[in-house]
N, C-alpha and C. Protein backbone atom coordinates (compact mmCIF):
# COMPACT_ATOMS: atom_id res chain seq x y z
N MET A 1 0.84 -1.17 0.00
CA MET A 1 0.00 0.00 0.00
C MET A 1 0.89 1.24 0.00
N LEU A 2 0.46 2.28 -0.73
CA LEU A 2 1.20 3.53 -0.79
C LEU A 2 1.02 4.32 0.51
N GLU A 3 1.99 5.17 0.82
CA GLU A 3 1.87 6.02 1.99
C GLU A 3 0.76 7.06 1.77
N THR A 4 0.14 7.46 2.86
CA THR A 4 -0.90 8.48 2.79
C THR A 4 -0.26 9.84 2.56
N PRO A 5 -0.69 10.58 1.54
CA PRO A 5 -0.12 11.91 1.29
C PRO A 5 -0.37 12.86 2.44
N THR A 6 0.59 13.76 2.65
CA THR A 6 0.48 14.76 3.72
C THR A 6 0.31 16.17 3.17
N ARG A 7 0.47 16.34 1.85
CA ARG A 7 0.34 17.65 1.21
C ARG A 7 -0.52 17.53 -0.03
N PHE A 8 -1.05 18.67 -0.44
CA PHE A 8 -1.77 18.74 -1.70
C PHE A 8 -1.48 20.07 -2.36
N THR A 9 -1.53 20.05 -3.69
CA THR A 9 -1.37 21.25 -4.49
C THR A 9 -2.43 21.24 -5.57
N MET A 10 -3.13 22.36 -5.71
CA MET A 10 -4.13 22.50 -6.77
C MET A 10 -3.45 23.16 -7.96
N VAL A 11 -3.62 22.57 -9.15
CA VAL A 11 -2.99 23.10 -10.36
C VAL A 11 -4.01 23.15 -11.50
N ALA A 12 -3.75 24.01 -12.47
CA ALA A 12 -4.60 24.08 -13.67
C ALA A 12 -3.78 24.70 -14.79
N GLY A 13 -4.01 24.22 -16.01
CA GLY A 13 -3.33 24.78 -17.16
C GLY A 13 -4.03 24.37 -18.44
N SER A 14 -3.74 25.12 -19.50
CA SER A 14 -4.31 24.80 -20.81
C SER A 14 -3.26 25.08 -21.87
N ALA A 15 -3.45 24.47 -23.04
CA ALA A 15 -2.44 24.61 -24.10
C ALA A 15 -3.01 24.18 -25.44
N GLU A 16 -2.32 24.60 -26.48
CA GLU A 16 -2.53 24.11 -27.84
C GLU A 16 -1.46 23.06 -28.13
N GLY A 17 -1.72 22.21 -29.09
CA GLY A 17 -0.73 21.22 -29.51
C GLY A 17 -1.08 20.68 -30.89
N PRO A 18 -0.12 20.01 -31.52
CA PRO A 18 -0.38 19.46 -32.85
C PRO A 18 -1.30 18.24 -32.85
N SER A 19 -1.54 17.64 -31.68
CA SER A 19 -2.45 16.50 -31.54
C SER A 19 -3.12 16.61 -30.18
N PRO A 20 -4.22 15.88 -29.95
CA PRO A 20 -4.85 15.92 -28.63
C PRO A 20 -3.89 15.53 -27.50
N LEU A 21 -3.05 14.52 -27.73
CA LEU A 21 -2.12 14.10 -26.68
C LEU A 21 -1.07 15.18 -26.42
N ASN A 22 -0.57 15.82 -27.48
CA ASN A 22 0.39 16.90 -27.28
C ASN A 22 -0.25 18.10 -26.58
N ALA A 23 -1.50 18.40 -26.91
CA ALA A 23 -2.20 19.49 -26.22
C ALA A 23 -2.38 19.16 -24.74
N PHE A 24 -2.73 17.91 -24.44
CA PHE A 24 -2.87 17.46 -23.06
C PHE A 24 -1.53 17.58 -22.33
N ASP A 25 -0.45 17.14 -22.98
CA ASP A 25 0.88 17.25 -22.39
C ASP A 25 1.24 18.71 -22.13
N GLY A 26 0.92 19.59 -23.07
CA GLY A 26 1.17 21.01 -22.89
C GLY A 26 0.39 21.59 -21.73
N ALA A 27 -0.86 21.13 -21.55
CA ALA A 27 -1.67 21.59 -20.43
C ALA A 27 -1.06 21.12 -19.10
N LEU A 28 -0.54 19.89 -19.08
CA LEU A 28 0.14 19.40 -17.87
C LEU A 28 1.37 20.24 -17.56
N LEU A 29 2.14 20.57 -18.60
CA LEU A 29 3.32 21.42 -18.40
C LEU A 29 2.91 22.80 -17.88
N ALA A 30 1.86 23.37 -18.47
CA ALA A 30 1.39 24.69 -18.04
C ALA A 30 0.92 24.65 -16.58
N ALA A 31 0.38 23.51 -16.15
CA ALA A 31 -0.09 23.36 -14.78
C ALA A 31 1.04 23.10 -13.79
N GLY A 32 2.20 22.70 -14.31
CA GLY A 32 3.34 22.44 -13.44
C GLY A 32 3.53 21.00 -13.03
N CYS A 33 2.81 20.08 -13.69
CA CYS A 33 2.96 18.66 -13.34
C CYS A 33 3.23 17.80 -14.57
N GLY A 34 3.79 18.39 -15.60
CA GLY A 34 4.01 17.67 -16.85
C GLY A 34 5.15 16.68 -16.84
N ASN A 35 6.03 16.76 -15.87
CA ASN A 35 7.17 15.84 -15.83
C ASN A 35 7.03 14.78 -14.76
N MET A 36 5.80 14.55 -14.31
CA MET A 36 5.52 13.50 -13.34
C MET A 36 4.67 12.42 -14.01
N ASN A 37 4.63 11.26 -13.39
CA ASN A 37 3.76 10.19 -13.84
C ASN A 37 2.49 10.24 -13.00
N LEU A 38 1.42 10.74 -13.59
CA LEU A 38 0.17 10.91 -12.85
C LEU A 38 -0.51 9.57 -12.64
N VAL A 39 -0.92 9.33 -11.41
CA VAL A 39 -1.70 8.15 -11.06
C VAL A 39 -3.06 8.68 -10.65
N ARG A 40 -4.07 8.40 -11.46
CA ARG A 40 -5.40 8.95 -11.20
C ARG A 40 -6.01 8.26 -9.99
N VAL A 41 -6.52 9.07 -9.08
CA VAL A 41 -7.14 8.55 -7.87
C VAL A 41 -8.55 9.11 -7.74
N SER A 42 -9.32 8.50 -6.84
CA SER A 42 -10.65 9.04 -6.58
C SER A 42 -10.53 10.24 -5.66
N SER A 43 -11.54 10.60 -5.00
CA SER A 43 -11.69 11.99 -4.58
C SER A 43 -11.73 12.26 -3.08
N ILE A 44 -10.82 11.68 -2.32
CA ILE A 44 -10.78 11.97 -0.89
C ILE A 44 -9.42 12.56 -0.53
N LEU A 45 -9.44 13.72 0.10
CA LEU A 45 -8.22 14.36 0.60
C LEU A 45 -7.97 13.81 2.00
N PRO A 46 -6.79 13.25 2.25
CA PRO A 46 -6.52 12.66 3.57
C PRO A 46 -6.64 13.68 4.70
N PRO A 47 -7.11 13.25 5.87
CA PRO A 47 -7.17 14.15 7.02
C PRO A 47 -5.79 14.73 7.32
N GLY A 48 -5.76 16.00 7.64
CA GLY A 48 -4.51 16.64 8.03
C GLY A 48 -3.60 17.06 6.89
N ALA A 49 -3.96 16.75 5.64
CA ALA A 49 -3.12 17.15 4.50
C ALA A 49 -3.07 18.68 4.44
N LYS A 50 -1.88 19.21 4.22
CA LYS A 50 -1.67 20.65 4.19
C LYS A 50 -1.47 21.13 2.76
N GLU A 51 -2.02 22.31 2.45
CA GLU A 51 -1.87 22.87 1.12
C GLU A 51 -0.46 23.42 0.92
N ALA A 52 0.12 23.14 -0.23
CA ALA A 52 1.41 23.68 -0.64
C ALA A 52 1.20 24.42 -1.96
N GLU A 53 1.76 25.62 -2.07
CA GLU A 53 1.60 26.44 -3.28
C GLU A 53 2.18 25.76 -4.51
N ARG A 54 3.32 25.09 -4.34
CA ARG A 54 4.02 24.47 -5.48
C ARG A 54 4.34 23.02 -5.17
N LEU A 55 4.37 22.23 -6.22
CA LEU A 55 4.79 20.84 -6.09
C LEU A 55 6.30 20.80 -5.86
N ALA A 56 6.73 19.97 -4.95
CA ALA A 56 8.15 19.74 -4.72
C ALA A 56 8.39 18.25 -4.89
N VAL A 57 8.27 17.81 -6.14
CA VAL A 57 8.33 16.39 -6.47
C VAL A 57 9.34 16.22 -7.61
N PRO A 58 10.28 15.27 -7.50
CA PRO A 58 11.26 15.07 -8.57
C PRO A 58 10.61 14.59 -9.88
N PRO A 59 11.17 14.98 -11.03
CA PRO A 59 10.66 14.48 -12.31
C PRO A 59 10.62 12.95 -12.32
N GLY A 60 9.58 12.43 -12.93
CA GLY A 60 9.42 10.98 -13.03
C GLY A 60 8.72 10.33 -11.86
N SER A 61 8.43 11.11 -10.81
CA SER A 61 7.76 10.55 -9.63
C SER A 61 6.34 10.10 -9.97
N LEU A 62 5.87 9.10 -9.25
CA LEU A 62 4.46 8.72 -9.30
C LEU A 62 3.71 9.73 -8.45
N LEU A 63 2.70 10.36 -9.03
CA LEU A 63 1.99 11.44 -8.34
C LEU A 63 0.48 11.15 -8.31
N PRO A 64 -0.06 10.75 -7.15
CA PRO A 64 -1.50 10.56 -7.06
C PRO A 64 -2.22 11.88 -7.37
N THR A 65 -3.19 11.82 -8.27
CA THR A 65 -3.82 13.04 -8.77
C THR A 65 -5.30 12.79 -9.08
N ALA A 66 -6.16 13.67 -8.57
CA ALA A 66 -7.57 13.68 -8.97
C ALA A 66 -7.69 14.81 -9.99
N TYR A 67 -8.11 14.50 -11.21
CA TYR A 67 -8.10 15.55 -12.24
C TYR A 67 -9.26 15.44 -13.22
N GLY A 68 -9.54 16.59 -13.81
CA GLY A 68 -10.49 16.69 -14.91
C GLY A 68 -9.76 17.26 -16.11
N HIS A 69 -10.09 16.80 -17.30
CA HIS A 69 -9.44 17.32 -18.50
C HIS A 69 -10.37 17.18 -19.70
N ILE A 70 -10.10 18.02 -20.69
CA ILE A 70 -10.87 18.00 -21.93
C ILE A 70 -9.95 18.43 -23.05
N SER A 71 -10.13 17.81 -24.20
CA SER A 71 -9.41 18.20 -25.42
C SER A 71 -10.44 18.49 -26.50
N SER A 72 -10.08 19.37 -27.43
CA SER A 72 -11.00 19.70 -28.52
C SER A 72 -10.20 20.06 -29.77
N GLN A 73 -10.74 19.71 -30.91
CA GLN A 73 -10.18 20.09 -32.20
C GLN A 73 -11.17 20.94 -32.98
N THR A 74 -12.03 21.66 -32.25
CA THR A 74 -13.02 22.53 -32.86
C THR A 74 -12.56 23.98 -32.70
N PRO A 75 -12.01 24.58 -33.77
CA PRO A 75 -11.53 25.96 -33.66
C PRO A 75 -12.62 26.91 -33.14
N GLY A 76 -12.21 27.77 -32.21
CA GLY A 76 -13.12 28.74 -31.63
C GLY A 76 -13.90 28.24 -30.44
N GLN A 77 -13.89 26.93 -30.20
CA GLN A 77 -14.64 26.37 -29.07
C GLN A 77 -13.93 26.71 -27.76
N GLN A 78 -14.71 27.07 -26.76
CA GLN A 78 -14.14 27.34 -25.44
C GLN A 78 -14.32 26.10 -24.57
N ILE A 79 -13.22 25.68 -23.94
CA ILE A 79 -13.24 24.51 -23.07
C ILE A 79 -12.69 24.93 -21.70
N ALA A 80 -13.09 24.19 -20.68
CA ALA A 80 -12.64 24.53 -19.32
C ALA A 80 -12.54 23.27 -18.48
N ALA A 81 -11.68 23.35 -17.47
CA ALA A 81 -11.54 22.27 -16.48
C ALA A 81 -11.43 22.92 -15.11
N ALA A 82 -11.93 22.23 -14.09
CA ALA A 82 -11.88 22.76 -12.73
C ALA A 82 -11.81 21.61 -11.73
N VAL A 83 -11.21 21.92 -10.59
CA VAL A 83 -11.19 21.02 -9.45
C VAL A 83 -11.58 21.82 -8.21
N GLY A 84 -12.07 21.11 -7.21
CA GLY A 84 -12.41 21.76 -5.96
C GLY A 84 -12.27 20.81 -4.81
N ILE A 85 -12.09 21.38 -3.63
CA ILE A 85 -12.01 20.60 -2.40
C ILE A 85 -12.98 21.22 -1.40
N ALA A 86 -13.78 20.38 -0.77
CA ALA A 86 -14.65 20.80 0.31
C ALA A 86 -14.05 20.28 1.61
N PHE A 87 -13.99 21.17 2.60
CA PHE A 87 -13.47 20.82 3.91
C PHE A 87 -14.60 20.87 4.92
N GLY A 88 -14.62 19.90 5.83
CA GLY A 88 -15.61 19.88 6.90
C GLY A 88 -14.98 20.27 8.21
N GLU A 89 -15.27 19.50 9.22
CA GLU A 89 -14.74 19.74 10.57
C GLU A 89 -13.21 19.62 10.56
N GLU A 90 -12.56 20.41 11.40
CA GLU A 90 -11.10 20.36 11.54
C GLU A 90 -10.67 18.93 11.86
N GLY A 91 -9.64 18.45 11.12
CA GLY A 91 -9.12 17.12 11.36
C GLY A 91 -9.81 16.02 10.57
N SER A 92 -10.87 16.38 9.83
CA SER A 92 -11.59 15.40 9.03
C SER A 92 -10.99 15.36 7.62
N TYR A 93 -11.44 14.41 6.84
CA TYR A 93 -11.01 14.33 5.44
C TYR A 93 -11.69 15.40 4.62
N GLY A 94 -11.13 15.65 3.43
CA GLY A 94 -11.75 16.57 2.48
C GLY A 94 -12.31 15.80 1.30
N LEU A 95 -13.20 16.42 0.57
CA LEU A 95 -13.81 15.81 -0.61
C LEU A 95 -13.34 16.58 -1.84
N ILE A 96 -12.79 15.86 -2.81
CA ILE A 96 -12.30 16.45 -4.06
C ILE A 96 -13.28 16.12 -5.17
N MET A 97 -13.58 17.10 -6.00
CA MET A 97 -14.38 16.88 -7.20
C MET A 97 -13.66 17.52 -8.38
N GLU A 98 -13.86 16.96 -9.54
CA GLU A 98 -13.22 17.46 -10.75
C GLU A 98 -14.20 17.42 -11.91
N THR A 99 -14.03 18.35 -12.85
CA THR A 99 -14.91 18.39 -14.01
C THR A 99 -14.19 19.02 -15.19
N ALA A 100 -14.72 18.80 -16.37
CA ALA A 100 -14.26 19.45 -17.59
C ALA A 100 -15.47 19.57 -18.51
N LEU A 101 -15.53 20.67 -19.27
CA LEU A 101 -16.72 20.91 -20.08
C LEU A 101 -16.43 21.84 -21.25
N VAL A 102 -17.35 21.84 -22.18
CA VAL A 102 -17.35 22.86 -23.24
C VAL A 102 -18.05 24.05 -22.61
N GLY A 103 -17.31 25.13 -22.43
CA GLY A 103 -17.82 26.31 -21.75
C GLY A 103 -16.67 27.07 -21.13
N ASN A 104 -16.98 27.95 -20.19
CA ASN A 104 -15.93 28.78 -19.60
C ASN A 104 -15.62 28.35 -18.17
N ALA A 105 -14.58 28.98 -17.60
CA ALA A 105 -14.13 28.64 -16.26
C ALA A 105 -15.21 28.92 -15.21
N GLN A 106 -15.96 29.99 -15.39
CA GLN A 106 -17.03 30.32 -14.44
C GLN A 106 -18.06 29.19 -14.37
N GLU A 107 -18.43 28.63 -15.53
CA GLU A 107 -19.39 27.52 -15.56
C GLU A 107 -18.80 26.28 -14.89
N ALA A 108 -17.51 26.01 -15.14
CA ALA A 108 -16.86 24.85 -14.53
C ALA A 108 -16.80 25.01 -13.02
N GLU A 109 -16.48 26.22 -12.54
CA GLU A 109 -16.41 26.47 -11.10
C GLU A 109 -17.78 26.32 -10.44
N ALA A 110 -18.83 26.80 -11.10
CA ALA A 110 -20.18 26.66 -10.55
C ALA A 110 -20.56 25.18 -10.45
N ARG A 111 -20.20 24.41 -11.47
CA ARG A 111 -20.50 22.97 -11.44
C ARG A 111 -19.76 22.30 -10.29
N ILE A 112 -18.49 22.67 -10.10
CA ILE A 112 -17.68 22.06 -9.02
C ILE A 112 -18.29 22.39 -7.66
N ARG A 113 -18.65 23.63 -7.44
CA ARG A 113 -19.23 24.01 -6.14
C ARG A 113 -20.49 23.19 -5.83
N LYS A 114 -21.33 23.02 -6.84
CA LYS A 114 -22.56 22.23 -6.66
C LYS A 114 -22.21 20.77 -6.37
N MET A 115 -21.24 20.22 -7.10
CA MET A 115 -20.83 18.83 -6.88
C MET A 115 -20.29 18.64 -5.47
N LEU A 116 -19.49 19.58 -4.99
CA LEU A 116 -18.93 19.49 -3.64
C LEU A 116 -20.03 19.54 -2.59
N GLU A 117 -20.96 20.48 -2.75
CA GLU A 117 -22.07 20.59 -1.80
C GLU A 117 -22.93 19.32 -1.82
N ASP A 118 -23.21 18.80 -3.01
CA ASP A 118 -24.00 17.57 -3.13
C ASP A 118 -23.26 16.38 -2.51
N GLY A 119 -21.94 16.29 -2.75
CA GLY A 119 -21.15 15.19 -2.19
C GLY A 119 -21.12 15.22 -0.67
N PHE A 120 -21.00 16.40 -0.10
CA PHE A 120 -21.02 16.51 1.35
C PHE A 120 -22.41 16.16 1.88
N ARG A 121 -23.44 16.64 1.21
CA ARG A 121 -24.82 16.34 1.63
C ARG A 121 -25.06 14.83 1.62
N MET A 122 -24.56 14.14 0.60
CA MET A 122 -24.72 12.69 0.51
C MET A 122 -24.06 11.98 1.69
N ARG A 123 -23.04 12.59 2.26
CA ARG A 123 -22.33 12.02 3.41
C ARG A 123 -22.91 12.50 4.74
N GLY A 124 -23.95 13.32 4.68
CA GLY A 124 -24.54 13.85 5.89
C GLY A 124 -23.68 14.90 6.57
N LEU A 125 -22.85 15.58 5.77
CA LEU A 125 -21.91 16.58 6.29
C LEU A 125 -22.23 17.96 5.74
N THR A 126 -21.67 18.97 6.38
CA THR A 126 -21.80 20.35 5.93
C THR A 126 -20.41 20.89 5.61
N PRO A 127 -20.21 21.39 4.38
CA PRO A 127 -18.89 21.95 4.07
C PRO A 127 -18.65 23.25 4.82
N ARG A 128 -17.45 23.41 5.38
CA ARG A 128 -17.08 24.63 6.10
C ARG A 128 -16.30 25.59 5.21
N ARG A 129 -15.61 25.02 4.21
CA ARG A 129 -14.78 25.84 3.33
C ARG A 129 -14.62 25.12 2.00
N LEU A 130 -14.62 25.88 0.90
CA LEU A 130 -14.40 25.32 -0.43
C LEU A 130 -13.19 26.01 -1.06
N LEU A 131 -12.35 25.23 -1.73
CA LEU A 131 -11.28 25.75 -2.58
C LEU A 131 -11.56 25.30 -4.00
N VAL A 132 -11.42 26.19 -4.97
CA VAL A 132 -11.67 25.85 -6.37
C VAL A 132 -10.56 26.43 -7.22
N LYS A 133 -10.14 25.67 -8.24
CA LYS A 133 -9.14 26.15 -9.20
C LYS A 133 -9.61 25.72 -10.58
N SER A 134 -9.46 26.63 -11.57
CA SER A 134 -9.95 26.33 -12.91
C SER A 134 -9.06 26.94 -13.97
N THR A 135 -9.31 26.53 -15.19
CA THR A 135 -8.66 27.10 -16.37
C THR A 135 -9.65 27.02 -17.52
N GLU A 136 -9.47 27.91 -18.49
CA GLU A 136 -10.28 27.85 -19.71
C GLU A 136 -9.36 28.09 -20.90
N HIS A 137 -9.83 27.67 -22.06
CA HIS A 137 -9.01 27.79 -23.27
C HIS A 137 -9.93 27.92 -24.48
N THR A 138 -9.60 28.85 -25.36
CA THR A 138 -10.29 28.94 -26.64
C THR A 138 -9.42 28.24 -27.67
N VAL A 139 -9.97 27.21 -28.29
CA VAL A 139 -9.23 26.34 -29.19
C VAL A 139 -8.87 27.09 -30.48
N VAL A 140 -7.60 27.00 -30.87
CA VAL A 140 -7.15 27.52 -32.15
C VAL A 140 -7.24 26.41 -33.19
N ALA A 141 -6.58 25.28 -32.93
CA ALA A 141 -6.65 24.11 -33.81
C ALA A 141 -6.89 22.83 -33.00
N CYS A 142 -6.09 22.67 -31.93
CA CYS A 142 -6.21 21.49 -31.07
C CYS A 142 -5.79 21.92 -29.67
N GLY A 143 -6.73 21.99 -28.75
CA GLY A 143 -6.44 22.50 -27.42
C GLY A 143 -6.86 21.55 -26.33
N ALA A 144 -6.34 21.80 -25.13
CA ALA A 144 -6.69 21.00 -23.96
C ALA A 144 -6.71 21.89 -22.73
N ALA A 145 -7.55 21.51 -21.77
CA ALA A 145 -7.62 22.16 -20.47
C ALA A 145 -7.54 21.06 -19.42
N PHE A 146 -6.82 21.34 -18.32
CA PHE A 146 -6.54 20.35 -17.28
C PHE A 146 -6.54 21.04 -15.93
N ALA A 147 -7.18 20.43 -14.96
CA ALA A 147 -7.15 20.93 -13.58
C ALA A 147 -7.05 19.73 -12.64
N ALA A 148 -6.25 19.87 -11.57
CA ALA A 148 -5.98 18.71 -10.71
C ALA A 148 -5.71 19.11 -9.27
N VAL A 149 -5.93 18.14 -8.41
CA VAL A 149 -5.43 18.19 -7.05
C VAL A 149 -4.38 17.10 -6.97
N CYS A 150 -3.14 17.51 -6.76
CA CYS A 150 -2.01 16.59 -6.67
C CYS A 150 -1.77 16.28 -5.19
N LEU A 151 -1.67 15.00 -4.87
CA LEU A 151 -1.47 14.54 -3.49
C LEU A 151 -0.05 14.01 -3.36
N TRP A 152 0.70 14.52 -2.38
CA TRP A 152 2.10 14.15 -2.27
C TRP A 152 2.60 14.34 -0.86
N GLY A 153 3.89 14.15 -0.65
CA GLY A 153 4.52 14.39 0.64
C GLY A 153 4.60 13.14 1.49
């Protein structure tokens, strides 16, 4: 079993590229996690995890990440990705939600806030604080948007 992360960093980025995969890679680089090996995880922030402004992880590291992403090859289309964390009582776990959509960052953030509130309600909890991070991109030829909560430490 992997160690429980003690830190988290919220990141978001968008980019153009010559292919959907290159655009996705560019969005990862813009977000600051392009040189790590992302391991997609579900959506629970460990109790006591502390926020860090920047990732301090060596290139090539396995990085547990909850993320939303979208790619598009429709010129002029606006795409967005967002992540959010809901916090409850001090010392409890947090709930992470992620989304990506055709639309703008404001729409993605509104969707995330609703998802976080609904997720807490399903658990019989009340969120005390929400953190949200998003990005948007207007596609030129082939674009991607990516937002994540990276768990590390």
